[in-house]
Amino acid sequence: MEINSKIEKAKKGDQIAFTFLLDFYWNEVYGFMLKRTENETTAEDITIETFSKAFDKIATYNPEFQFNTWLIAIAKNVYIDLLRKKKASLFIEITDNEDQQAYNIADPTPSAEDALIKEQNLSRLLLCIKELKPHYQEVIQLRYFQEMTYEEIALKINEPLSNVKVKLLRAKKLLAEIIERNR
């Protein structure tokens, strides 16, 4: 009964309900994917993406089905997509000429123009980051500017590691939308 009320609150955008659902179902989804992938990092990445997709599409959740069943279906689809991408990347052909070009980079140091473009891009990026909500700004700042690990961020902001990962994923997704809109 409590799960259904949390789901309804999450559908209305309640972050506390999202966090509850994430904490409640994390181990089940992660364990399911760990059995299939036999790789902790891959299982964790799939689990993070699963929750991100689930929270983005929570309005489409049909309460006739169990919530964990819905999450597992999403996780399976994320895993299938990952396998397809891996399979596709195995068949990319690189000619000897292209391979040689990759190694023949004349001067890897940036020119004055490159430095100016980089500075302008950074300035634009910072403006876009400022459009995010403060808690998203914070995780972006800690991860990409202070180069902290997920674990260090979790300790710094006093939140569970799984929350940090999902928050960072959502922040990146929102930031990408802002950047696209500002082009």
N, C-alpha and C. Protein backbone atom coordinates (compact mmCIF):
# COMPACT_ATOMS: atom_id res chain seq x y z
N MET A 1 0.83 -1.19 0.00
CA MET A 1 0.00 0.00 0.00
C MET A 1 0.88 1.26 0.00
N GLU A 2 1.93 1.24 0.83
CA GLU A 2 2.82 2.40 0.92
C GLU A 2 3.52 2.62 -0.43
N ILE A 3 3.88 1.54 -1.12
CA ILE A 3 4.56 1.63 -2.41
C ILE A 3 3.68 2.39 -3.40
N ASN A 4 2.40 2.03 -3.44
CA ASN A 4 1.49 2.69 -4.39
C ASN A 4 1.38 4.19 -4.13
N SER A 5 1.36 4.58 -2.86
CA SER A 5 1.29 6.02 -2.55
C SER A 5 2.59 6.71 -2.95
N LYS A 6 3.72 6.02 -2.77
CA LYS A 6 5.02 6.60 -3.18
C LYS A 6 5.07 6.76 -4.70
N ILE A 7 4.54 5.77 -5.41
CA ILE A 7 4.51 5.83 -6.87
C ILE A 7 3.65 7.02 -7.33
N GLU A 8 2.51 7.18 -6.69
CA GLU A 8 1.62 8.31 -7.06
C GLU A 8 2.30 9.65 -6.77
N LYS A 9 3.00 9.73 -5.64
CA LYS A 9 3.73 10.97 -5.32
C LYS A 9 4.86 11.20 -6.32
N ALA A 10 5.55 10.13 -6.70
CA ALA A 10 6.64 10.24 -7.68
C ALA A 10 6.09 10.72 -9.02
N LYS A 11 4.90 10.25 -9.38
CA LYS A 11 4.28 10.69 -10.63
C LYS A 11 4.04 12.20 -10.63
N LYS A 12 3.87 12.75 -9.43
CA LYS A 12 3.64 14.20 -9.29
C LYS A 12 4.95 14.97 -9.11
N GLY A 13 6.09 14.26 -9.21
CA GLY A 13 7.39 14.92 -9.14
C GLY A 13 8.02 15.00 -7.76
N ASP A 14 7.49 14.27 -6.80
CA ASP A 14 8.00 14.30 -5.43
C ASP A 14 9.36 13.59 -5.35
N GLN A 15 10.42 14.36 -5.08
CA GLN A 15 11.79 13.82 -5.04
C GLN A 15 11.96 12.81 -3.90
N ILE A 16 11.31 13.04 -2.78
CA ILE A 16 11.43 12.11 -1.63
C ILE A 16 10.85 10.76 -2.01
N ALA A 17 9.76 10.76 -2.76
CA ALA A 17 9.15 9.51 -3.22
C ALA A 17 10.08 8.80 -4.20
N PHE A 18 10.70 9.57 -5.10
CA PHE A 18 11.68 8.98 -6.03
C PHE A 18 12.80 8.30 -5.26
N THR A 19 13.32 9.00 -4.27
CA THR A 19 14.43 8.47 -3.46
C THR A 19 14.01 7.20 -2.75
N PHE A 20 12.79 7.19 -2.18
CA PHE A 20 12.28 6.01 -1.49
C PHE A 20 12.23 4.83 -2.46
N LEU A 21 11.66 5.05 -3.65
CA LEU A 21 11.54 3.97 -4.64
C LEU A 21 12.91 3.48 -5.10
N LEU A 22 13.82 4.40 -5.28
CA LEU A 22 15.19 4.05 -5.68
C LEU A 22 15.83 3.16 -4.62
N ASP A 23 15.76 3.59 -3.37
CA ASP A 23 16.35 2.83 -2.27
C ASP A 23 15.67 1.46 -2.10
N PHE A 24 14.35 1.45 -2.24
CA PHE A 24 13.57 0.24 -2.01
C PHE A 24 13.85 -0.83 -3.07
N TYR A 25 13.99 -0.42 -4.34
CA TYR A 25 14.13 -1.38 -5.44
C TYR A 25 15.55 -1.53 -5.99
N TRP A 26 16.49 -0.70 -5.52
CA TRP A 26 17.85 -0.71 -6.06
C TRP A 26 18.46 -2.12 -6.05
N ASN A 27 18.48 -2.76 -4.89
CA ASN A 27 19.14 -4.06 -4.76
C ASN A 27 18.51 -5.13 -5.65
N GLU A 28 17.19 -5.08 -5.80
CA GLU A 28 16.51 -6.07 -6.63
C GLU A 28 16.91 -5.92 -8.11
N VAL A 29 16.90 -4.69 -8.61
CA VAL A 29 17.26 -4.45 -10.01
C VAL A 29 18.75 -4.73 -10.22
N TYR A 30 19.58 -4.23 -9.30
CA TYR A 30 21.03 -4.43 -9.40
C TYR A 30 21.36 -5.93 -9.36
N GLY A 31 20.77 -6.66 -8.44
CA GLY A 31 21.01 -8.10 -8.32
C GLY A 31 20.59 -8.85 -9.58
N PHE A 32 19.46 -8.47 -10.12
CA PHE A 32 18.95 -9.09 -11.35
C PHE A 32 19.96 -8.89 -12.49
N MET A 33 20.46 -7.66 -12.63
CA MET A 33 21.39 -7.36 -13.72
C MET A 33 22.77 -7.96 -13.47
N LEU A 34 23.17 -8.04 -12.21
CA LEU A 34 24.48 -8.63 -11.88
C LEU A 34 24.51 -10.11 -12.30
N LYS A 35 23.40 -10.82 -12.09
CA LYS A 35 23.32 -12.23 -12.51
C LYS A 35 23.49 -12.36 -14.02
N ARG A 36 22.92 -11.42 -14.77
CA ARG A 36 22.98 -11.49 -16.22
C ARG A 36 24.31 -11.01 -16.80
N THR A 37 24.83 -9.94 -16.24
CA THR A 37 26.04 -9.35 -16.82
C THR A 37 27.32 -9.95 -16.25
N GLU A 38 27.24 -10.45 -15.02
CA GLU A 38 28.40 -10.96 -14.29
C GLU A 38 29.51 -9.91 -14.21
N ASN A 39 29.10 -8.64 -14.17
CA ASN A 39 30.05 -7.54 -14.10
C ASN A 39 29.43 -6.44 -13.24
N GLU A 40 30.06 -6.12 -12.11
CA GLU A 40 29.48 -5.16 -11.16
C GLU A 40 29.30 -3.78 -11.78
N THR A 41 30.29 -3.31 -12.52
CA THR A 41 30.23 -1.98 -13.11
C THR A 41 29.11 -1.89 -14.14
N THR A 42 29.02 -2.88 -15.01
CA THR A 42 27.97 -2.90 -16.03
C THR A 42 26.60 -2.98 -15.37
N ALA A 43 26.47 -3.85 -14.36
CA ALA A 43 25.19 -4.00 -13.65
C ALA A 43 24.79 -2.67 -13.01
N GLU A 44 25.76 -1.99 -12.42
CA GLU A 44 25.49 -0.70 -11.77
C GLU A 44 25.08 0.35 -12.80
N ASP A 45 25.79 0.41 -13.92
CA ASP A 45 25.45 1.37 -14.98
C ASP A 45 24.05 1.13 -15.52
N ILE A 46 23.71 -0.14 -15.73
CA ILE A 46 22.38 -0.48 -16.24
C ILE A 46 21.32 -0.11 -15.20
N THR A 47 21.61 -0.37 -13.93
CA THR A 47 20.65 -0.05 -12.87
C THR A 47 20.43 1.46 -12.79
N ILE A 48 21.48 2.23 -12.89
CA ILE A 48 21.35 3.70 -12.87
C ILE A 48 20.48 4.16 -14.04
N GLU A 49 20.80 3.65 -15.23
CA GLU A 49 20.03 4.07 -16.41
C GLU A 49 18.58 3.60 -16.29
N THR A 50 18.36 2.43 -15.71
CA THR A 50 17.01 1.91 -15.52
C THR A 50 16.18 2.87 -14.66
N PHE A 51 16.74 3.29 -13.54
CA PHE A 51 16.00 4.20 -12.66
C PHE A 51 15.81 5.56 -13.32
N SER A 52 16.78 6.01 -14.05
CA SER A 52 16.65 7.29 -14.75
C SER A 52 15.50 7.22 -15.75
N LYS A 53 15.47 6.15 -16.55
CA LYS A 53 14.39 5.98 -17.54
C LYS A 53 13.04 5.81 -16.84
N ALA A 54 13.04 5.03 -15.77
CA ALA A 54 11.79 4.80 -15.04
C ALA A 54 11.23 6.11 -14.49
N PHE A 55 12.10 6.95 -13.93
CA PHE A 55 11.63 8.20 -13.36
C PHE A 55 11.21 9.19 -14.44
N ASP A 56 11.86 9.12 -15.60
CA ASP A 56 11.46 9.98 -16.72
C ASP A 56 10.09 9.56 -17.27
N LYS A 57 9.81 8.25 -17.21
CA LYS A 57 8.57 7.71 -17.81
C LYS A 57 7.58 7.21 -16.77
N ILE A 58 7.72 7.65 -15.54
CA ILE A 58 6.87 7.10 -14.46
C ILE A 58 5.37 7.35 -14.71
N ALA A 59 5.07 8.40 -15.45
CA ALA A 59 3.65 8.69 -15.76
C ALA A 59 3.04 7.57 -16.60
N THR A 60 3.86 6.79 -17.31
CA THR A 60 3.34 5.71 -18.16
C THR A 60 3.20 4.39 -17.40
N TYR A 61 3.64 4.36 -16.14
CA TYR A 61 3.56 3.12 -15.36
C TYR A 61 2.10 2.71 -15.17
N ASN A 62 1.82 1.43 -15.44
CA ASN A 62 0.48 0.88 -15.30
C ASN A 62 0.39 0.12 -13.97
N PRO A 63 -0.40 0.62 -13.01
CA PRO A 63 -0.46 -0.01 -11.68
C PRO A 63 -1.07 -1.42 -11.67
N GLU A 64 -1.56 -1.90 -12.82
CA GLU A 64 -2.06 -3.28 -12.89
C GLU A 64 -0.89 -4.27 -12.74
N PHE A 65 0.32 -3.80 -13.01
CA PHE A 65 1.51 -4.64 -12.90
C PHE A 65 2.31 -4.22 -11.67
N GLN A 66 3.11 -5.15 -11.16
CA GLN A 66 3.98 -4.83 -10.04
C GLN A 66 5.04 -3.82 -10.49
N PHE A 67 5.39 -2.89 -9.62
CA PHE A 67 6.38 -1.87 -9.96
C PHE A 67 7.74 -2.51 -10.24
N ASN A 68 8.11 -3.51 -9.44
CA ASN A 68 9.41 -4.16 -9.66
C ASN A 68 9.46 -4.88 -11.01
N THR A 69 8.33 -5.43 -11.45
CA THR A 69 8.26 -6.08 -12.76
C THR A 69 8.50 -5.06 -13.87
N TRP A 70 7.91 -3.88 -13.70
CA TRP A 70 8.09 -2.79 -14.66
C TRP A 70 9.56 -2.36 -14.71
N LEU A 71 10.17 -2.22 -13.54
CA LEU A 71 11.59 -1.85 -13.47
C LEU A 71 12.48 -2.90 -14.13
N ILE A 72 12.20 -4.17 -13.88
CA ILE A 72 13.00 -5.25 -14.46
C ILE A 72 12.86 -5.25 -15.99
N ALA A 73 11.65 -4.98 -16.48
CA ALA A 73 11.44 -4.91 -17.94
C ALA A 73 12.28 -3.78 -18.54
N ILE A 74 12.32 -2.65 -17.85
CA ILE A 74 13.14 -1.53 -18.32
C ILE A 74 14.62 -1.94 -18.30
N ALA A 75 15.04 -2.58 -17.22
CA ALA A 75 16.44 -3.02 -17.09
C ALA A 75 16.81 -3.98 -18.23
N LYS A 76 15.91 -4.92 -18.54
CA LYS A 76 16.17 -5.86 -19.64
C LYS A 76 16.37 -5.10 -20.95
N ASN A 77 15.51 -4.11 -21.20
CA ASN A 77 15.61 -3.34 -22.44
C ASN A 77 16.91 -2.53 -22.49
N VAL A 78 17.31 -1.95 -21.37
CA VAL A 78 18.57 -1.21 -21.31
C VAL A 78 19.73 -2.16 -21.61
N TYR A 79 19.67 -3.35 -21.05
CA TYR A 79 20.73 -4.35 -21.27
C TYR A 79 20.77 -4.79 -22.74
N ILE A 80 19.61 -5.02 -23.33
CA ILE A 80 19.54 -5.40 -24.75
C ILE A 80 20.14 -4.29 -25.62
N ASP A 81 19.79 -3.04 -25.33
CA ASP A 81 20.35 -1.91 -26.07
C ASP A 81 21.87 -1.88 -25.95
N LEU A 82 22.37 -2.13 -24.74
CA LEU A 82 23.81 -2.14 -24.50
C LEU A 82 24.48 -3.24 -25.33
N LEU A 83 23.88 -4.43 -25.34
CA LEU A 83 24.43 -5.54 -26.12
C LEU A 83 24.44 -5.21 -27.61
N ARG A 84 23.38 -4.57 -28.10
CA ARG A 84 23.32 -4.18 -29.52
C ARG A 84 24.43 -3.19 -29.86
N LYS A 85 24.64 -2.21 -28.97
CA LYS A 85 25.69 -1.21 -29.20
C LYS A 85 27.06 -1.88 -29.23
N LYS A 86 27.28 -2.82 -28.28
CA LYS A 86 28.57 -3.52 -28.24
C LYS A 86 28.77 -4.33 -29.51
N LYS A 87 27.71 -5.02 -29.94
CA LYS A 87 27.79 -5.84 -31.15
C LYS A 87 28.08 -4.96 -32.36
N ALA A 88 27.42 -3.83 -32.47
CA ALA A 88 27.62 -2.92 -33.60
C ALA A 88 29.04 -2.37 -33.60
N SER A 89 29.56 -2.05 -32.42
CA SER A 89 30.90 -1.47 -32.35
C SER A 89 31.99 -2.48 -32.70
N LEU A 90 31.68 -3.76 -32.59
CA LEU A 90 32.66 -4.79 -32.94
C LEU A 90 32.88 -4.88 -34.45
N PHE A 91 31.90 -4.40 -35.22
CA PHE A 91 31.97 -4.55 -36.67
C PHE A 91 32.36 -3.28 -37.41
N ILE A 92 32.83 -2.27 -36.69
CA ILE A 92 33.28 -1.05 -37.34
C ILE A 92 34.65 -1.33 -37.96
N GLU A 93 34.73 -1.13 -39.27
CA GLU A 93 35.99 -1.39 -39.98
C GLU A 93 36.81 -0.11 -40.05
N ILE A 94 38.08 -0.23 -39.74
CA ILE A 94 39.00 0.91 -39.85
C ILE A 94 40.08 0.52 -40.85
N THR A 95 40.24 1.33 -41.88
CA THR A 95 41.25 1.03 -42.89
C THR A 95 42.63 1.36 -42.33
N ASP A 96 43.66 0.81 -42.96
CA ASP A 96 45.04 1.08 -42.54
C ASP A 96 45.34 2.57 -42.64
N ASN A 97 44.81 3.21 -43.70
CA ASN A 97 45.03 4.64 -43.91
C ASN A 97 44.43 5.46 -42.75
N GLU A 98 43.20 5.13 -42.37
CA GLU A 98 42.53 5.83 -41.26
C GLU A 98 43.29 5.58 -39.96
N ASP A 99 43.76 4.36 -39.80
CA ASP A 99 44.51 4.00 -38.60
C ASP A 99 45.80 4.83 -38.53
N GLN A 100 46.49 4.96 -39.65
CA GLN A 100 47.72 5.74 -39.70
C GLN A 100 47.45 7.21 -39.42
N GLN A 101 46.34 7.75 -39.96
CA GLN A 101 46.00 9.15 -39.74
C GLN A 101 45.80 9.43 -38.25
N ALA A 102 45.22 8.48 -37.56
CA ALA A 102 44.99 8.65 -36.13
C ALA A 102 46.30 8.80 -35.36
N TYR A 103 47.35 8.16 -35.86
CA TYR A 103 48.65 8.25 -35.19
C TYR A 103 49.52 9.40 -35.69
N ASN A 104 49.11 10.03 -36.78
CA ASN A 104 49.92 11.10 -37.38
C ASN A 104 49.44 12.49 -36.98
N ILE A 105 49.10 12.68 -35.76
CA ILE A 105 48.68 14.00 -35.30
C ILE A 105 49.94 14.84 -35.16
N ALA A 106 50.02 15.93 -35.94
CA ALA A 106 51.24 16.73 -36.01
C ALA A 106 51.61 17.38 -34.69
N ASP A 107 50.69 18.16 -34.13
CA ASP A 107 51.01 18.91 -32.92
C ASP A 107 49.80 18.90 -31.99
N PRO A 108 49.87 18.14 -30.93
CA PRO A 108 48.71 18.04 -30.06
C PRO A 108 48.47 19.27 -29.18
N THR A 109 49.40 20.23 -29.13
CA THR A 109 49.19 21.41 -28.29
C THR A 109 48.20 22.35 -28.97
N PRO A 110 47.25 22.91 -28.21
CA PRO A 110 46.23 23.76 -28.82
C PRO A 110 46.81 25.10 -29.29
N SER A 111 46.25 25.58 -30.41
CA SER A 111 46.65 26.90 -30.93
C SER A 111 45.96 27.98 -30.10
N ALA A 112 46.31 29.24 -30.36
CA ALA A 112 45.66 30.36 -29.66
C ALA A 112 44.16 30.36 -29.95
N GLU A 113 43.81 30.05 -31.21
CA GLU A 113 42.38 29.99 -31.58
C GLU A 113 41.66 28.88 -30.81
N ASP A 114 42.34 27.72 -30.71
CA ASP A 114 41.74 26.60 -29.96
C ASP A 114 41.51 26.99 -28.50
N ALA A 115 42.48 27.66 -27.92
CA ALA A 115 42.37 28.08 -26.51
C ALA A 115 41.20 29.06 -26.34
N LEU A 116 41.04 29.99 -27.29
CA LEU A 116 39.94 30.96 -27.22
C LEU A 116 38.59 30.27 -27.35
N ILE A 117 38.50 29.35 -28.30
CA ILE A 117 37.24 28.60 -28.50
C ILE A 117 36.91 27.81 -27.24
N LYS A 118 37.92 27.16 -26.66
CA LYS A 118 37.71 26.38 -25.44
C LYS A 118 37.20 27.28 -24.31
N GLU A 119 37.79 28.45 -24.18
CA GLU A 119 37.38 29.39 -23.13
C GLU A 119 35.94 29.86 -23.35
N GLN A 120 35.59 30.16 -24.60
CA GLN A 120 34.22 30.60 -24.91
C GLN A 120 33.22 29.47 -24.65
N ASN A 121 33.59 28.24 -25.03
CA ASN A 121 32.71 27.10 -24.79
C ASN A 121 32.51 26.86 -23.30
N LEU A 122 33.58 27.01 -22.52
CA LEU A 122 33.50 26.84 -21.07
C LEU A 122 32.57 27.90 -20.47
N SER A 123 32.70 29.11 -20.96
CA SER A 123 31.87 30.21 -20.48
C SER A 123 30.39 29.92 -20.76
N ARG A 124 30.10 29.42 -21.97
CA ARG A 124 28.71 29.08 -22.33
C ARG A 124 28.20 27.92 -21.48
N LEU A 125 29.08 26.94 -21.25
CA LEU A 125 28.71 25.79 -20.44
C LEU A 125 28.36 26.23 -19.02
N LEU A 126 29.16 27.12 -18.44
CA LEU A 126 28.90 27.60 -17.08
C LEU A 126 27.56 28.33 -17.00
N LEU A 127 27.23 29.09 -18.04
CA LEU A 127 25.92 29.77 -18.07
C LEU A 127 24.78 28.76 -18.10
N CYS A 128 24.97 27.69 -18.88
CA CYS A 128 23.94 26.64 -18.94
C CYS A 128 23.81 25.92 -17.59
N ILE A 129 24.94 25.66 -16.94
CA ILE A 129 24.91 24.99 -15.64
C ILE A 129 24.14 25.83 -14.63
N LYS A 130 24.28 27.16 -14.72
CA LYS A 130 23.57 28.04 -13.79
C LYS A 130 22.06 27.97 -13.94
N GLU A 131 21.57 27.44 -15.07
CA GLU A 131 20.13 27.29 -15.27
C GLU A 131 19.57 26.06 -14.55
N LEU A 132 20.46 25.16 -14.12
CA LEU A 132 20.02 23.97 -13.39
C LEU A 132 19.61 24.34 -11.96
N LYS A 133 18.81 23.48 -11.34
CA LYS A 133 18.48 23.66 -9.92
C LYS A 133 19.77 23.50 -9.11
N PRO A 134 19.86 24.18 -7.96
CA PRO A 134 21.11 24.17 -7.17
C PRO A 134 21.65 22.78 -6.85
N HIS A 135 20.79 21.81 -6.52
CA HIS A 135 21.31 20.48 -6.17
C HIS A 135 21.92 19.78 -7.38
N TYR A 136 21.45 20.08 -8.59
CA TYR A 136 22.06 19.53 -9.80
C TYR A 136 23.37 20.27 -10.11
N GLN A 137 23.38 21.58 -9.90
CA GLN A 137 24.61 22.36 -10.10
C GLN A 137 25.72 21.79 -9.22
N GLU A 138 25.36 21.50 -7.98
CA GLU A 138 26.35 21.03 -7.01
C GLU A 138 27.01 19.72 -7.45
N VAL A 139 26.20 18.73 -7.89
CA VAL A 139 26.81 17.45 -8.28
C VAL A 139 27.64 17.59 -9.55
N ILE A 140 27.21 18.43 -10.48
CA ILE A 140 28.00 18.67 -11.70
C ILE A 140 29.33 19.32 -11.32
N GLN A 141 29.27 20.32 -10.45
CA GLN A 141 30.47 21.03 -9.99
C GLN A 141 31.45 20.07 -9.32
N LEU A 142 30.94 19.25 -8.41
CA LEU A 142 31.80 18.33 -7.67
C LEU A 142 32.41 17.25 -8.58
N ARG A 143 31.62 16.73 -9.50
CA ARG A 143 32.09 15.63 -10.35
C ARG A 143 33.04 16.12 -11.45
N TYR A 144 32.67 17.18 -12.14
CA TYR A 144 33.42 17.54 -13.35
C TYR A 144 34.40 18.69 -13.19
N PHE A 145 34.22 19.51 -12.17
CA PHE A 145 35.15 20.61 -11.98
C PHE A 145 36.11 20.32 -10.83
N GLN A 146 35.60 19.65 -9.79
CA GLN A 146 36.49 19.27 -8.69
C GLN A 146 36.97 17.82 -8.84
N GLU A 147 36.44 17.13 -9.87
CA GLU A 147 36.84 15.77 -10.22
C GLU A 147 36.77 14.79 -9.05
N MET A 148 35.69 14.90 -8.27
CA MET A 148 35.49 13.99 -7.15
C MET A 148 34.88 12.68 -7.65
N THR A 149 35.15 11.60 -6.94
CA THR A 149 34.53 10.30 -7.27
C THR A 149 33.08 10.33 -6.77
N TYR A 150 32.29 9.36 -7.24
CA TYR A 150 30.90 9.25 -6.76
C TYR A 150 30.88 9.10 -5.24
N GLU A 151 31.80 8.30 -4.73
CA GLU A 151 31.85 8.04 -3.28
C GLU A 151 32.16 9.33 -2.51
N GLU A 152 33.11 10.12 -3.02
CA GLU A 152 33.46 11.39 -2.36
C GLU A 152 32.28 12.36 -2.38
N ILE A 153 31.55 12.37 -3.50
CA ILE A 153 30.38 13.26 -3.60
C ILE A 153 29.32 12.81 -2.60
N ALA A 154 29.09 11.50 -2.50
CA ALA A 154 28.09 10.97 -1.57
C ALA A 154 28.42 11.40 -0.13
N LEU A 155 29.69 11.33 0.23
CA LEU A 155 30.10 11.76 1.57
C LEU A 155 29.92 13.26 1.74
N LYS A 156 30.32 14.02 0.73
CA LYS A 156 30.27 15.49 0.80
C LYS A 156 28.83 16.01 0.97
N ILE A 157 27.89 15.43 0.18
CA ILE A 157 26.51 15.94 0.24
C ILE A 157 25.62 15.09 1.14
N ASN A 158 26.24 14.07 1.79
CA ASN A 158 25.54 13.24 2.76
C ASN A 158 24.31 12.56 2.17
N GLU A 159 24.51 11.91 1.03
CA GLU A 159 23.43 11.15 0.38
C GLU A 159 23.96 9.78 -0.01
N PRO A 160 23.06 8.80 -0.16
CA PRO A 160 23.50 7.46 -0.59
C PRO A 160 24.13 7.52 -1.99
N LEU A 161 25.06 6.62 -2.22
CA LEU A 161 25.78 6.56 -3.49
C LEU A 161 24.82 6.42 -4.67
N SER A 162 23.81 5.59 -4.54
CA SER A 162 22.86 5.38 -5.64
C SER A 162 22.14 6.69 -5.98
N ASN A 163 21.79 7.49 -4.97
CA ASN A 163 21.14 8.78 -5.22
C ASN A 163 22.06 9.71 -5.98
N VAL A 164 23.33 9.73 -5.60
CA VAL A 164 24.31 10.60 -6.26
C VAL A 164 24.40 10.24 -7.74
N LYS A 165 24.45 8.94 -8.03
CA LYS A 165 24.58 8.50 -9.42
C LYS A 165 23.35 8.89 -10.24
N VAL A 166 22.17 8.69 -9.69
CA VAL A 166 20.96 9.04 -10.42
C VAL A 166 20.85 10.56 -10.56
N LYS A 167 21.19 11.28 -9.49
CA LYS A 167 21.12 12.74 -9.53
C LYS A 167 22.07 13.29 -10.60
N LEU A 168 23.25 12.70 -10.69
CA LEU A 168 24.23 13.13 -11.69
C LEU A 168 23.74 12.81 -13.10
N LEU A 169 23.16 11.64 -13.26
CA LEU A 169 22.61 11.25 -14.57
C LEU A 169 21.50 12.21 -14.99
N ARG A 170 20.61 12.53 -14.06
CA ARG A 170 19.51 13.46 -14.37
C ARG A 170 20.05 14.86 -14.64
N ALA A 171 21.06 15.28 -13.88
CA ALA A 171 21.66 16.61 -14.08
C ALA A 171 22.27 16.70 -15.48
N LYS A 172 22.97 15.63 -15.90
CA LYS A 172 23.58 15.63 -17.24
C LYS A 172 22.51 15.68 -18.32
N LYS A 173 21.41 14.94 -18.10
CA LYS A 173 20.32 14.92 -19.08
C LYS A 173 19.68 16.30 -19.19
N LEU A 174 19.41 16.93 -18.04
CA LEU A 174 18.82 18.28 -18.04
C LEU A 174 19.77 19.29 -18.65
N LEU A 175 21.05 19.16 -18.35
CA LEU A 175 22.06 20.07 -18.90
C LEU A 175 22.13 19.95 -20.42
N ALA A 176 22.06 18.72 -20.91
CA ALA A 176 22.07 18.50 -22.37
C ALA A 176 20.87 19.17 -23.02
N GLU A 177 19.70 19.09 -22.36
CA GLU A 177 18.49 19.75 -22.90
C GLU A 177 18.67 21.27 -22.92
N ILE A 178 19.25 21.82 -21.87
CA ILE A 178 19.49 23.27 -21.80
C ILE A 178 20.46 23.70 -22.89
N ILE A 179 21.53 22.95 -23.06
CA ILE A 179 22.53 23.27 -24.09
C ILE A 179 21.89 23.24 -25.46
N GLU A 180 21.09 22.20 -25.72
CA GLU A 180 20.41 22.06 -27.02
C GLU A 180 19.46 23.22 -27.25
N ARG A 181 18.73 23.60 -26.21
CA ARG A 181 17.77 24.71 -26.32
C ARG A 181 18.48 26.04 -26.57
N ASN A 182 19.68 26.22 -26.03
CA ASN A 182 20.40 27.48 -26.17
C ASN A 182 21.23 27.58 -27.45
N ARG A 183 21.23 26.54 -28.26
CA ARG A 183 22.03 26.58 -29.51
C ARG A 183 21.45 27.53 -30.52
